[in-house]
Amino acid sequence: MPTPKDRALPVAATVLTGTVALYIALVAFGNITDFGTNQQFVRHVLAMDTTFKDDDLMWRAIDSTAVQDAAYVAIIVWETVAALILIAATVLWAGVLRGRRPVRTARLAGTAGLLMLLFLFGAGFIGVGGEWFAMWQSKNWNGLDAATRVVTLTGVVLLVTLLPSTDADSAS
């Protein structure tokens, strides 16, 4: 019979994965139901129209609204898929708590969804948006603080998810 110490990791992973799943599901839902708000954000970042307008950087700007909107739709799709994977991972972690699922399966699903978010917010928003499109220069359209919060939260949850557990791993 598992001890409370043996159950601590699956409980933490369930709660934390569920928290991130809820967050990104709400983000995706908001972007779908209030499409125009963040559409404008993506358009301004890609157009670089509120940056310092440095000639050495402005060649990077994307002025095509079709390309801007395609990027925004891709972001929403990515968020939605990540949310669905993380919801599934939360259910799998709950199954681990009930002794019906192996830790390995829950860990794998959670890792996939969390890595998707780290890629989107870390590489996409911080790297590409922040540096390539100089989002850090904009007073009005700078999402670096929000992206950093998501990367930090997601990274912590990923670390907890990947911690070795005791009996649960050997039983899986």
C-alpha atoms as a PDB file:
ATOM      1  CA  MET A   1       0.000   0.000   0.000  1.00  0.00           C
ATOM      2  CA  PRO A   2       1.434   3.405  -0.968  1.00  0.00           C
ATOM      3  CA  THR A   3       2.457   5.690   1.855  1.00  0.00           C
ATOM      4  CA  PRO A   4       1.543   9.401   1.903  1.00  0.00           C
ATOM      5  CA  LYS A   5       5.139  10.145   0.852  1.00  0.00           C
ATOM      6  CA  ASP A   6       4.696   7.874  -2.193  1.00  0.00           C
ATOM      7  CA  ARG A   7       1.534   9.746  -3.157  1.00  0.00           C
ATOM      8  CA  ALA A   8       2.999  13.252  -2.757  1.00  0.00           C
ATOM      9  CA  LEU A   9       4.533  13.420  -6.216  1.00  0.00           C
ATOM     10  CA  PRO A  10       1.428  12.207  -8.094  1.00  0.00           C
ATOM     11  CA  VAL A  11      -0.761  14.591  -6.067  1.00  0.00           C
ATOM     12  CA  ALA A  12       1.543  17.525  -6.829  1.00  0.00           C
ATOM     13  CA  ALA A  13       1.815  16.554 -10.498  1.00  0.00           C
ATOM     14  CA  THR A  14      -1.971  16.208 -10.790  1.00  0.00           C
ATOM     15  CA  VAL A  15      -2.685  19.585  -9.223  1.00  0.00           C
ATOM     16  CA  LEU A  16       0.080  21.437 -11.047  1.00  0.00           C
ATOM     17  CA  THR A  17      -0.651  19.870 -14.436  1.00  0.00           C
ATOM     18  CA  GLY A  18      -4.346  20.610 -13.943  1.00  0.00           C
ATOM     19  CA  THR A  19      -3.527  24.220 -13.081  1.00  0.00           C
ATOM     20  CA  VAL A  20      -1.514  24.727 -16.256  1.00  0.00           C
ATOM     21  CA  ALA A  21      -4.163  22.863 -18.284  1.00  0.00           C
ATOM     22  CA  LEU A  22      -6.865  25.185 -16.954  1.00  0.00           C
ATOM     23  CA  TYR A  23      -4.745  28.256 -17.616  1.00  0.00           C
ATOM     24  CA  ILE A  24      -3.887  27.418 -21.216  1.00  0.00           C
ATOM     25  CA  ALA A  25      -7.444  26.220 -21.924  1.00  0.00           C
ATOM     26  CA  LEU A  26      -8.721  29.614 -20.751  1.00  0.00           C
ATOM     27  CA  VAL A  27      -6.089  31.390 -22.853  1.00  0.00           C
ATOM     28  CA  ALA A  28      -7.101  29.431 -25.954  1.00  0.00           C
ATOM     29  CA  PHE A  29     -10.797  29.939 -25.209  1.00  0.00           C
ATOM     30  CA  GLY A  30     -10.247  33.676 -24.782  1.00  0.00           C
ATOM     31  CA  ASN A  31      -8.325  33.898 -28.033  1.00  0.00           C
ATOM     32  CA  ILE A  32     -11.091  32.056 -29.858  1.00  0.00           C
ATOM     33  CA  THR A  33     -14.037  33.957 -28.348  1.00  0.00           C
ATOM     34  CA  ASP A  34     -12.306  37.372 -28.338  1.00  0.00           C
ATOM     35  CA  PHE A  35     -10.290  36.847 -31.498  1.00  0.00           C
ATOM     36  CA  GLY A  36      -9.661  40.519 -32.259  1.00  0.00           C
ATOM     37  CA  THR A  37      -7.883  41.551 -29.064  1.00  0.00           C
ATOM     38  CA  ASN A  38      -4.820  39.352 -29.337  1.00  0.00           C
ATOM     39  CA  GLN A  39      -5.028  39.442 -33.123  1.00  0.00           C
ATOM     40  CA  GLN A  40      -4.065  43.105 -32.820  1.00  0.00           C
ATOM     41  CA  PHE A  41      -1.258  42.162 -30.441  1.00  0.00           C
ATOM     42  CA  VAL A  42       0.216  39.671 -32.941  1.00  0.00           C
ATOM     43  CA  ARG A  43      -0.213  42.108 -35.821  1.00  0.00           C
ATOM     44  CA  HIS A  44       1.634  44.912 -34.003  1.00  0.00           C
ATOM     45  CA  VAL A  45       4.461  42.652 -32.825  1.00  0.00           C
ATOM     46  CA  LEU A  46       5.035  41.209 -36.292  1.00  0.00           C
ATOM     47  CA  ALA A  47       4.704  44.610 -37.996  1.00  0.00           C
ATOM     48  CA  MET A  48       7.170  46.080 -35.463  1.00  0.00           C
ATOM     49  CA  ASP A  49       5.227  49.336 -35.757  1.00  0.00           C
ATOM     50  CA  THR A  50       5.693  50.344 -32.114  1.00  0.00           C
ATOM     51  CA  THR A  51       9.422  49.574 -31.849  1.00  0.00           C
ATOM     52  CA  PHE A  52      12.299  52.030 -32.146  1.00  0.00           C
ATOM     53  CA  LYS A  53      12.114  51.700 -35.971  1.00  0.00           C
ATOM     54  CA  ASP A  54      15.817  50.978 -36.266  1.00  0.00           C
ATOM     55  CA  ASP A  55      16.649  50.533 -39.955  1.00  0.00           C
ATOM     56  CA  ASP A  56      18.955  47.649 -39.058  1.00  0.00           C
ATOM     57  CA  LEU A  57      15.974  45.742 -37.626  1.00  0.00           C
ATOM     58  CA  MET A  58      12.923  46.877 -39.583  1.00  0.00           C
ATOM     59  CA  TRP A  59      13.656  44.530 -42.487  1.00  0.00           C
ATOM     60  CA  ARG A  60      12.397  41.776 -40.160  1.00  0.00           C
ATOM     61  CA  ALA A  61       8.900  43.260 -39.967  1.00  0.00           C
ATOM     62  CA  ILE A  62       6.000  41.321 -41.474  1.00  0.00           C
ATOM     63  CA  ASP A  63       3.384  43.730 -42.837  1.00  0.00           C
ATOM     64  CA  SER A  64       1.110  41.179 -44.503  1.00  0.00           C
ATOM     65  CA  THR A  65      -2.066  40.863 -42.443  1.00  0.00           C
ATOM     66  CA  ALA A  66      -2.659  37.446 -44.026  1.00  0.00           C
ATOM     67  CA  VAL A  67       0.668  36.161 -42.683  1.00  0.00           C
ATOM     68  CA  GLN A  68       0.075  37.869 -39.331  1.00  0.00           C
ATOM     69  CA  ASP A  69      -3.370  36.289 -39.026  1.00  0.00           C
ATOM     70  CA  ALA A  70      -2.049  32.875 -40.082  1.00  0.00           C
ATOM     71  CA  ALA A  71       0.559  33.130 -37.315  1.00  0.00           C
ATOM     72  CA  TYR A  72      -2.160  34.042 -34.811  1.00  0.00           C
ATOM     73  CA  VAL A  73      -4.364  31.127 -35.856  1.00  0.00           C
ATOM     74  CA  ALA A  74      -1.347  28.800 -35.563  1.00  0.00           C
ATOM     75  CA  ILE A  75      -0.752  30.089 -32.028  1.00  0.00           C
ATOM     76  CA  ILE A  76      -4.385  29.411 -31.090  1.00  0.00           C
ATOM     77  CA  VAL A  77      -4.272  25.909 -32.560  1.00  0.00           C
ATOM     78  CA  TRP A  78      -1.008  25.196 -30.703  1.00  0.00           C
ATOM     79  CA  GLU A  79      -2.508  26.468 -27.415  1.00  0.00           C
ATOM     80  CA  THR A  80      -5.647  24.391 -27.935  1.00  0.00           C
ATOM     81  CA  VAL A  81      -3.737  21.186 -28.640  1.00  0.00           C
ATOM     82  CA  ALA A  82      -1.474  21.804 -25.629  1.00  0.00           C
ATOM     83  CA  ALA A  83      -4.543  22.383 -23.443  1.00  0.00           C
ATOM     84  CA  LEU A  84      -6.151  19.135 -24.607  1.00  0.00           C
ATOM     85  CA  ILE A  85      -2.953  17.177 -23.982  1.00  0.00           C
ATOM     86  CA  LEU A  86      -2.584  18.707 -20.518  1.00  0.00           C
ATOM     87  CA  ILE A  87      -6.215  17.968 -19.668  1.00  0.00           C
ATOM     88  CA  ALA A  88      -5.599  14.349 -20.698  1.00  0.00           C
ATOM     89  CA  ALA A  89      -2.395  14.322 -18.626  1.00  0.00           C
ATOM     90  CA  THR A  90      -4.314  15.601 -15.600  1.00  0.00           C
ATOM     91  CA  VAL A  91      -6.819  12.766 -15.995  1.00  0.00           C
ATOM     92  CA  LEU A  92      -3.931  10.301 -16.323  1.00  0.00           C
ATOM     93  CA  TRP A  93      -2.299  11.668 -13.158  1.00  0.00           C
ATOM     94  CA  ALA A  94      -5.634  11.293 -11.367  1.00  0.00           C
ATOM     95  CA  GLY A  95      -5.617   7.682 -12.542  1.00  0.00           C
ATOM     96  CA  VAL A  96      -2.169   7.245 -10.999  1.00  0.00           C
ATOM     97  CA  LEU A  97      -3.620   8.450  -7.701  1.00  0.00           C
ATOM     98  CA  ARG A  98      -6.349   5.816  -7.918  1.00  0.00           C
ATOM     99  CA  GLY A  99      -3.825   3.144  -8.831  1.00  0.00           C
ATOM    100  CA  ARG A 100      -5.291   2.659 -12.306  1.00  0.00           C
ATOM    101  CA  ARG A 101      -2.622   4.259 -14.482  1.00  0.00           C
ATOM    102  CA  PRO A 102       1.159   3.976 -14.598  1.00  0.00           C
ATOM    103  CA  VAL A 103       3.211   7.041 -13.715  1.00  0.00           C
ATOM    104  CA  ARG A 104       5.080   6.691 -17.006  1.00  0.00           C
ATOM    105  CA  THR A 105       1.950   7.346 -19.092  1.00  0.00           C
ATOM    106  CA  ALA A 106       0.895  10.419 -17.109  1.00  0.00           C
ATOM    107  CA  ARG A 107       4.447  11.730 -17.097  1.00  0.00           C
ATOM    108  CA  LEU A 108       4.787  11.289 -20.858  1.00  0.00           C
ATOM    109  CA  ALA A 109       1.536  13.113 -21.642  1.00  0.00           C
ATOM    110  CA  GLY A 110       2.278  15.897 -19.174  1.00  0.00           C
ATOM    111  CA  THR A 111       5.787  16.334 -20.519  1.00  0.00           C
ATOM    112  CA  ALA A 112       4.498  16.609 -24.092  1.00  0.00           C
ATOM    113  CA  GLY A 113       1.970  19.315 -23.225  1.00  0.00           C
ATOM    114  CA  LEU A 114       4.382  21.233 -21.020  1.00  0.00           C
ATOM    115  CA  LEU A 115       7.122  21.167 -23.644  1.00  0.00           C
ATOM    116  CA  MET A 116       4.622  22.516 -26.173  1.00  0.00           C
ATOM    117  CA  LEU A 117       4.020  25.501 -23.885  1.00  0.00           C
ATOM    118  CA  LEU A 118       7.715  26.026 -23.221  1.00  0.00           C
ATOM    119  CA  PHE A 119       8.304  26.026 -26.966  1.00  0.00           C
ATOM    120  CA  LEU A 120       5.450  28.465 -27.675  1.00  0.00           C
ATOM    121  CA  PHE A 121       6.105  30.916 -24.862  1.00  0.00           C
ATOM    122  CA  GLY A 122       9.883  30.483 -24.597  1.00  0.00           C
ATOM    123  CA  ALA A 123      11.021  30.070 -28.181  1.00  0.00           C
ATOM    124  CA  GLY A 124       7.987  31.721 -29.783  1.00  0.00           C
ATOM    125  CA  PHE A 125       7.098  34.700 -27.617  1.00  0.00           C
ATOM    126  CA  ILE A 126      10.346  35.383 -25.752  1.00  0.00           C
ATOM    127  CA  GLY A 127      12.785  34.351 -28.491  1.00  0.00           C
ATOM    128  CA  VAL A 128      11.077  35.175 -31.771  1.00  0.00           C
ATOM    129  CA  GLY A 129       8.647  37.851 -30.596  1.00  0.00           C
ATOM    130  CA  GLY A 130      10.897  39.419 -27.995  1.00  0.00           C
ATOM    131  CA  GLU A 131      14.189  39.385 -29.838  1.00  0.00           C
ATOM    132  CA  TRP A 132      13.630  38.833 -33.553  1.00  0.00           C
ATOM    133  CA  PHE A 133      10.654  41.212 -33.743  1.00  0.00           C
ATOM    134  CA  ALA A 134      12.034  43.448 -30.944  1.00  0.00           C
ATOM    135  CA  MET A 135       8.853  43.234 -28.873  1.00  0.00           C
ATOM    136  CA  TRP A 136      10.904  44.372 -25.873  1.00  0.00           C
ATOM    137  CA  GLN A 137      11.086  47.829 -27.473  1.00  0.00           C
ATOM    138  CA  SER A 138       7.321  48.347 -27.466  1.00  0.00           C
ATOM    139  CA  LYS A 139       5.611  50.110 -24.590  1.00  0.00           C
ATOM    140  CA  ASN A 140       2.150  49.048 -25.819  1.00  0.00           C
ATOM    141  CA  TRP A 141       2.627  45.556 -27.290  1.00  0.00           C
ATOM    142  CA  ASN A 142       5.188  43.882 -25.036  1.00  0.00           C
ATOM    143  CA  GLY A 143       4.183  40.428 -23.828  1.00  0.00           C
ATOM    144  CA  LEU A 144       7.541  39.410 -22.392  1.00  0.00           C
ATOM    145  CA  ASP A 145       6.468  39.591 -18.739  1.00  0.00           C
ATOM    146  CA  ALA A 146       3.432  37.382 -19.365  1.00  0.00           C
ATOM    147  CA  ALA A 147       5.477  34.928 -21.441  1.00  0.00           C
ATOM    148  CA  THR A 148       8.138  34.765 -18.736  1.00  0.00           C
ATOM    149  CA  ARG A 149       5.491  33.957 -16.119  1.00  0.00           C
ATOM    150  CA  VAL A 150       4.165  31.109 -18.268  1.00  0.00           C
ATOM    151  CA  VAL A 151       7.663  29.754 -18.946  1.00  0.00           C
ATOM    152  CA  THR A 152       8.491  29.885 -15.233  1.00  0.00           C
ATOM    153  CA  LEU A 153       5.276  28.171 -14.125  1.00  0.00           C
ATOM    154  CA  THR A 154       5.491  25.582 -16.889  1.00  0.00           C
ATOM    155  CA  GLY A 155       9.153  24.891 -16.166  1.00  0.00           C
ATOM    156  CA  VAL A 156       8.452  24.307 -12.469  1.00  0.00           C
ATOM    157  CA  VAL A 157       5.582  21.954 -13.310  1.00  0.00           C
ATOM    158  CA  LEU A 158       7.797  20.086 -15.775  1.00  0.00           C
ATOM    159  CA  LEU A 159      10.484  19.650 -13.120  1.00  0.00           C
ATOM    160  CA  VAL A 160       7.939  18.295 -10.635  1.00  0.00           C
ATOM    161  CA  THR A 161       6.527  15.999 -13.315  1.00  0.00           C
ATOM    162  CA  LEU A 162       9.967  14.593 -14.086  1.00  0.00           C
ATOM    163  CA  LEU A 163      11.063  14.060 -10.482  1.00  0.00           C
ATOM    164  CA  PRO A 164      11.717  10.404  -9.783  1.00  0.00           C
ATOM    165  CA  SER A 165       9.037   8.863  -7.639  1.00  0.00           C
ATOM    166  CA  THR A 166       9.424   5.930  -5.292  1.00  0.00           C
ATOM    167  CA  ASP A 167       7.191   2.885  -5.558  1.00  0.00           C
ATOM    168  CA  ALA A 168       5.000   4.303  -8.292  1.00  0.00           C
ATOM    169  CA  ASP A 169       7.778   4.167 -10.895  1.00  0.00           C
ATOM    170  CA  SER A 170       8.801   0.636 -10.098  1.00  0.00           C
ATOM    171  CA  ALA A 171       5.183  -0.499 -10.343  1.00  0.00           C
ATOM    172  CA  SER A 172       4.655   1.119 -13.720  1.00  0.00           C
END
